[in-house]
Amino acid sequence: AVSGTSNLKKLEGRFPVRVELSDADTNAVIRNVLLAKNSSAIAPLNDILTANKGEISRHLEGTELSYRYEDDDYFASDYPILPSRRRFWDHVLRALDPSGTDSQLRNQLRMVDKAVKENLDQPLGHVVASDYLFFNSADSFLQNRSLSKDLYLEIMSLYGNPADGDLDDDRVTARACAVLFLVNKLKTGNPDTGISATADTVADLLIEDLHRGSGHLRGRLPG
């Protein structure tokens, strides 16, 4: 990050030992440290992949972030974050932070670590939704002025504390708006990904229960 980020290059002289971290290194640290699994957990996770392959493979179809065959090899390693969502998060962070300071390894590690800790009690088959990035990083987005205060307050007022949890219309609307904010920032910062702000895209990024599927969301989101 020091050598590749103009704002940090003035620090190069203070660090004579260079350690270059690529995207592959970031993935290795996340998979082998933060998301490391016991060997006994691999088979049940692969069973979830097999049972829900159709749902997973359709996510973000037609974009650069969509399902890839090699994702099967990393499903258990990335769980509870889907590989396509890891790619989405990475691209959004880069689009929201052209200077490169907020998309560094440390910040990605912090976000993944927090996401995992907040989902420890969820049953197998539950995955972290993409709107987690918005609600976890909203303060940072406000500070760098990529998110307007009015939009933030509107989303948070809808998110609230609905009586029926995730099934409440206002909360679904708030979460959809959060995802659309991220998608539109990605479209502006990196239009080559091919992602579009559609109801199907939002459903792909919001689904949390793989066993339940995304049909209920796809039916509700247009409204």
Protein backbone atom coordinates (compact mmCIF):
# COMPACT_ATOMS: atom_id res chain seq x y z
CA ALA A 1 0.00 0.00 0.00
CA VAL A 2 2.87 2.38 0.76
CA SER A 3 4.47 1.98 -2.66
CA GLY A 4 1.20 1.91 -4.59
CA THR A 5 -0.60 4.82 -2.91
CA SER A 6 0.51 8.36 -3.73
CA ASN A 7 -0.60 9.75 -0.35
CA LEU A 8 1.65 7.27 1.47
CA LYS A 9 4.78 7.33 -0.71
CA LYS A 10 6.42 9.94 1.53
CA LEU A 11 6.65 7.22 4.22
CA GLU A 12 8.73 4.85 2.06
CA GLY A 13 12.06 6.01 3.49
CA ARG A 14 11.00 5.07 7.02
CA PHE A 15 10.44 1.41 6.12
CA PRO A 16 13.61 -0.09 4.56
CA VAL A 17 12.23 -3.66 4.55
CA ARG A 18 9.64 -3.95 1.78
CA VAL A 19 6.79 -6.44 2.01
CA GLU A 20 4.52 -6.26 -1.01
CA LEU A 21 0.97 -7.51 -0.46
CA SER A 22 -1.14 -8.39 -3.48
CA ASP A 23 -4.85 -9.22 -3.66
CA ALA A 24 -3.85 -12.89 -3.48
CA ASP A 25 -2.01 -12.23 -0.20
CA THR A 26 -5.07 -10.49 1.21
CA ASN A 27 -7.23 -13.50 0.33
CA ALA A 28 -4.71 -15.86 1.89
CA VAL A 29 -4.66 -13.96 5.20
CA ILE A 30 -8.45 -13.76 5.34
CA ARG A 31 -8.98 -17.41 4.45
CA ASN A 32 -6.14 -18.96 6.43
CA VAL A 33 -6.40 -16.81 9.56
CA LEU A 34 -9.74 -15.06 10.07
CA LEU A 35 -11.93 -17.64 8.35
CA ALA A 36 -9.89 -20.76 9.14
CA LYS A 37 -12.08 -23.82 9.75
CA ASN A 38 -11.65 -27.04 11.68
CA SER A 39 -11.23 -30.00 9.33
CA SER A 40 -14.51 -31.46 10.61
CA ALA A 41 -16.40 -28.41 9.31
CA ILE A 42 -15.36 -28.76 5.67
CA ALA A 43 -17.69 -31.62 4.72
CA PRO A 44 -20.89 -29.97 6.11
CA LEU A 45 -19.99 -26.72 4.33
CA ASN A 46 -19.41 -28.53 1.05
CA ASP A 47 -22.82 -30.17 1.49
CA ILE A 48 -24.37 -26.70 1.75
CA LEU A 49 -22.59 -25.70 -1.46
CA THR A 50 -23.89 -28.78 -3.27
CA ALA A 51 -27.45 -28.26 -2.06
CA ASN A 52 -27.50 -24.57 -2.99
CA LYS A 53 -25.28 -24.53 -6.09
CA GLY A 54 -28.10 -23.23 -8.30
CA GLU A 55 -28.80 -20.24 -6.05
CA ILE A 56 -25.13 -19.37 -5.57
CA SER A 57 -24.19 -19.67 -9.24
CA ARG A 58 -26.90 -17.23 -10.38
CA HIS A 59 -25.70 -14.37 -8.18
CA LEU A 60 -24.55 -11.29 -10.14
CA GLU A 61 -24.75 -13.32 -13.34
CA GLY A 62 -23.37 -11.51 -16.39
CA THR A 63 -20.97 -9.32 -14.38
CA GLU A 64 -17.27 -9.56 -13.61
CA LEU A 65 -18.17 -10.34 -10.00
CA SER A 66 -20.34 -13.37 -10.77
CA TYR A 67 -19.84 -17.01 -9.81
CA ARG A 68 -16.68 -18.70 -11.09
CA TYR A 69 -15.91 -22.40 -11.20
CA GLU A 70 -12.91 -21.93 -8.92
CA ASP A 71 -15.24 -20.45 -6.26
CA ASP A 72 -16.25 -24.03 -5.38
CA ASP A 73 -12.72 -24.66 -4.13
CA TYR A 74 -12.91 -21.65 -1.81
CA PHE A 75 -16.52 -21.87 -0.64
CA ALA A 76 -15.65 -23.51 2.68
CA SER A 77 -12.65 -21.20 3.13
CA ASP A 78 -14.67 -18.03 2.51
CA TYR A 79 -17.79 -19.06 4.41
CA PRO A 80 -19.84 -17.27 5.83
CA ILE A 81 -19.01 -14.76 3.07
CA LEU A 82 -19.77 -15.81 -0.49
CA PRO A 83 -16.83 -15.40 -2.91
CA SER A 84 -18.88 -13.15 -5.20
CA ARG A 85 -19.63 -10.84 -2.26
CA ARG A 86 -15.97 -10.71 -1.27
CA ARG A 87 -15.27 -9.46 -4.81
CA PHE A 88 -18.15 -6.98 -4.55
CA TRP A 89 -16.87 -5.57 -1.26
CA ASP A 90 -13.33 -5.25 -2.61
CA HIS A 91 -14.44 -3.37 -5.73
CA VAL A 92 -16.78 -1.07 -3.78
CA LEU A 93 -14.07 -0.17 -1.27
CA ARG A 94 -11.71 0.71 -4.09
CA ALA A 95 -14.38 2.78 -5.86
CA LEU A 96 -15.21 4.68 -2.66
CA ASP A 97 -11.57 5.32 -1.83
CA PRO A 98 -9.54 6.32 -4.91
CA SER A 99 -6.54 7.18 -2.70
CA GLY A 100 -6.31 3.55 -1.63
CA THR A 101 -6.02 4.20 2.09
CA ASP A 102 -9.36 2.64 3.09
CA SER A 103 -9.12 -0.47 0.92
CA GLN A 104 -5.89 -1.66 2.47
CA LEU A 105 -5.45 -5.10 3.94
CA ARG A 106 -5.92 -3.91 7.52
CA ASN A 107 -9.34 -2.42 6.83
CA GLN A 108 -10.54 -5.47 4.94
CA LEU A 109 -9.37 -7.69 7.78
CA ARG A 110 -11.20 -5.55 10.33
CA MET A 111 -14.47 -5.69 8.38
CA VAL A 112 -14.34 -9.45 7.81
CA ASP A 113 -13.40 -10.07 11.45
CA LYS A 114 -16.33 -8.00 12.70
CA ALA A 115 -18.76 -9.60 10.24
CA VAL A 116 -17.80 -13.10 11.38
CA LYS A 117 -18.06 -12.25 15.09
CA GLU A 118 -21.54 -10.79 14.61
CA ASN A 119 -22.75 -13.95 12.84
CA LEU A 120 -21.24 -16.64 15.08
CA ASP A 121 -24.61 -17.83 16.38
CA GLN A 122 -26.27 -18.19 12.98
CA PRO A 123 -27.05 -21.71 11.71
CA LEU A 124 -25.15 -23.33 8.84
CA GLY A 125 -26.47 -21.98 5.56
CA HIS A 126 -26.56 -18.38 6.77
CA VAL A 127 -24.25 -16.01 4.88
CA VAL A 128 -23.29 -12.38 5.48
CA ALA A 129 -25.33 -9.99 3.33
CA SER A 130 -23.62 -7.32 1.24
CA ASP A 131 -25.40 -4.44 2.96
CA TYR A 132 -23.17 -5.20 5.97
CA LEU A 133 -20.50 -3.12 4.23
CA PHE A 134 -22.77 -0.07 4.23
CA PHE A 135 -23.92 -0.27 7.84
CA ASN A 136 -20.41 -1.11 9.07
CA SER A 137 -18.73 1.71 7.11
CA ALA A 138 -21.41 4.42 7.01
CA ASP A 139 -19.49 6.68 9.42
CA SER A 140 -16.44 6.52 7.17
CA PHE A 141 -18.57 7.23 4.09
CA LEU A 142 -20.01 10.28 5.83
CA GLN A 143 -16.57 11.56 6.77
CA ASN A 144 -15.19 11.29 3.25
CA ARG A 145 -18.42 12.77 1.86
CA SER A 146 -19.23 9.86 -0.41
CA LEU A 147 -22.53 9.51 1.48
CA SER A 148 -24.84 12.45 2.11
CA LYS A 149 -26.19 12.94 5.61
CA ASP A 150 -29.77 13.18 4.34
CA LEU A 151 -29.55 9.82 2.58
CA TYR A 152 -27.91 8.24 5.62
CA LEU A 153 -30.62 9.52 7.98
CA GLU A 154 -33.38 8.38 5.61
CA ILE A 155 -31.94 4.86 5.36
CA MET A 156 -31.38 4.58 9.11
CA SER A 157 -34.88 5.84 9.91
CA LEU A 158 -36.32 3.11 7.68
CA TYR A 159 -33.97 0.48 9.13
CA GLY A 160 -35.10 1.29 12.69
CA ASN A 161 -36.30 -1.59 14.85
CA PRO A 162 -39.09 -3.29 12.94
CA ALA A 163 -41.43 -5.51 14.88
CA ASP A 164 -41.21 -8.35 12.36
CA GLY A 165 -37.43 -8.34 11.89
CA ASP A 166 -36.17 -8.86 8.36
CA LEU A 167 -39.71 -9.32 7.02
CA ASP A 168 -40.65 -5.72 7.78
CA ASP A 169 -41.11 -3.70 4.57
CA ASP A 170 -39.30 -0.64 5.89
CA ARG A 171 -36.23 -2.65 6.86
CA VAL A 172 -36.15 -4.40 3.48
CA THR A 173 -36.42 -0.99 1.81
CA ALA A 174 -33.58 0.39 3.94
CA ARG A 175 -31.34 -2.59 3.19
CA ALA A 176 -32.14 -2.36 -0.52
CA CYS A 177 -31.28 1.35 -0.51
CA ALA A 178 -27.98 0.57 1.23
CA VAL A 179 -27.09 -1.97 -1.47
CA LEU A 180 -28.16 0.40 -4.25
CA PHE A 181 -25.89 3.09 -2.79
CA LEU A 182 -22.95 0.66 -2.97
CA VAL A 183 -23.88 -0.54 -6.47
CA ASN A 184 -24.17 2.98 -7.84
CA LYS A 185 -20.83 3.98 -6.33
CA LEU A 186 -19.29 0.91 -7.94
CA LYS A 187 -20.88 1.73 -11.30
CA THR A 188 -19.44 5.24 -11.12
CA GLY A 189 -15.99 4.22 -9.90
CA ASN A 190 -15.62 1.05 -11.95
CA PRO A 191 -18.20 0.80 -14.75
CA ASP A 192 -16.41 -2.16 -16.35
CA THR A 193 -17.76 -4.63 -13.78
CA GLY A 194 -21.07 -4.74 -15.66
CA ILE A 195 -23.16 -4.54 -12.48
CA SER A 196 -26.54 -2.79 -12.66
CA ALA A 197 -28.87 -1.38 -10.03
CA THR A 198 -31.74 -3.83 -10.52
CA ALA A 199 -34.04 -5.74 -8.20
CA ASP A 200 -32.28 -8.99 -9.12
CA THR A 201 -28.89 -7.51 -8.24
CA VAL A 202 -30.20 -6.36 -4.86
CA ALA A 203 -31.69 -9.79 -4.18
CA ASP A 204 -28.40 -11.47 -5.11
CA LEU A 205 -26.55 -9.28 -2.63
CA LEU A 206 -29.10 -9.40 0.21
CA ILE A 207 -29.92 -13.08 0.53
CA GLU A 208 -28.80 -14.46 3.90
CA ASP A 209 -30.46 -17.88 4.17
CA LEU A 210 -29.20 -20.10 1.36
CA HIS A 211 -31.67 -22.85 2.25
CA ARG A 212 -34.60 -20.46 1.90
CA GLY A 213 -33.31 -19.02 -1.35
CA SER A 214 -33.96 -15.58 -2.80
CA GLY A 215 -37.44 -16.10 -4.26
CA HIS A 216 -39.18 -14.22 -1.43
CA LEU A 217 -36.86 -11.24 -1.92
CA ARG A 218 -37.17 -11.21 -5.69
CA GLY A 219 -40.94 -11.07 -5.30
CA ARG A 220 -40.93 -8.20 -2.80
CA LEU A 221 -38.13 -5.93 -3.96
CA PRO A 222 -39.86 -4.37 -7.00
CA GLY A 223 -42.48 -2.98 -4.65
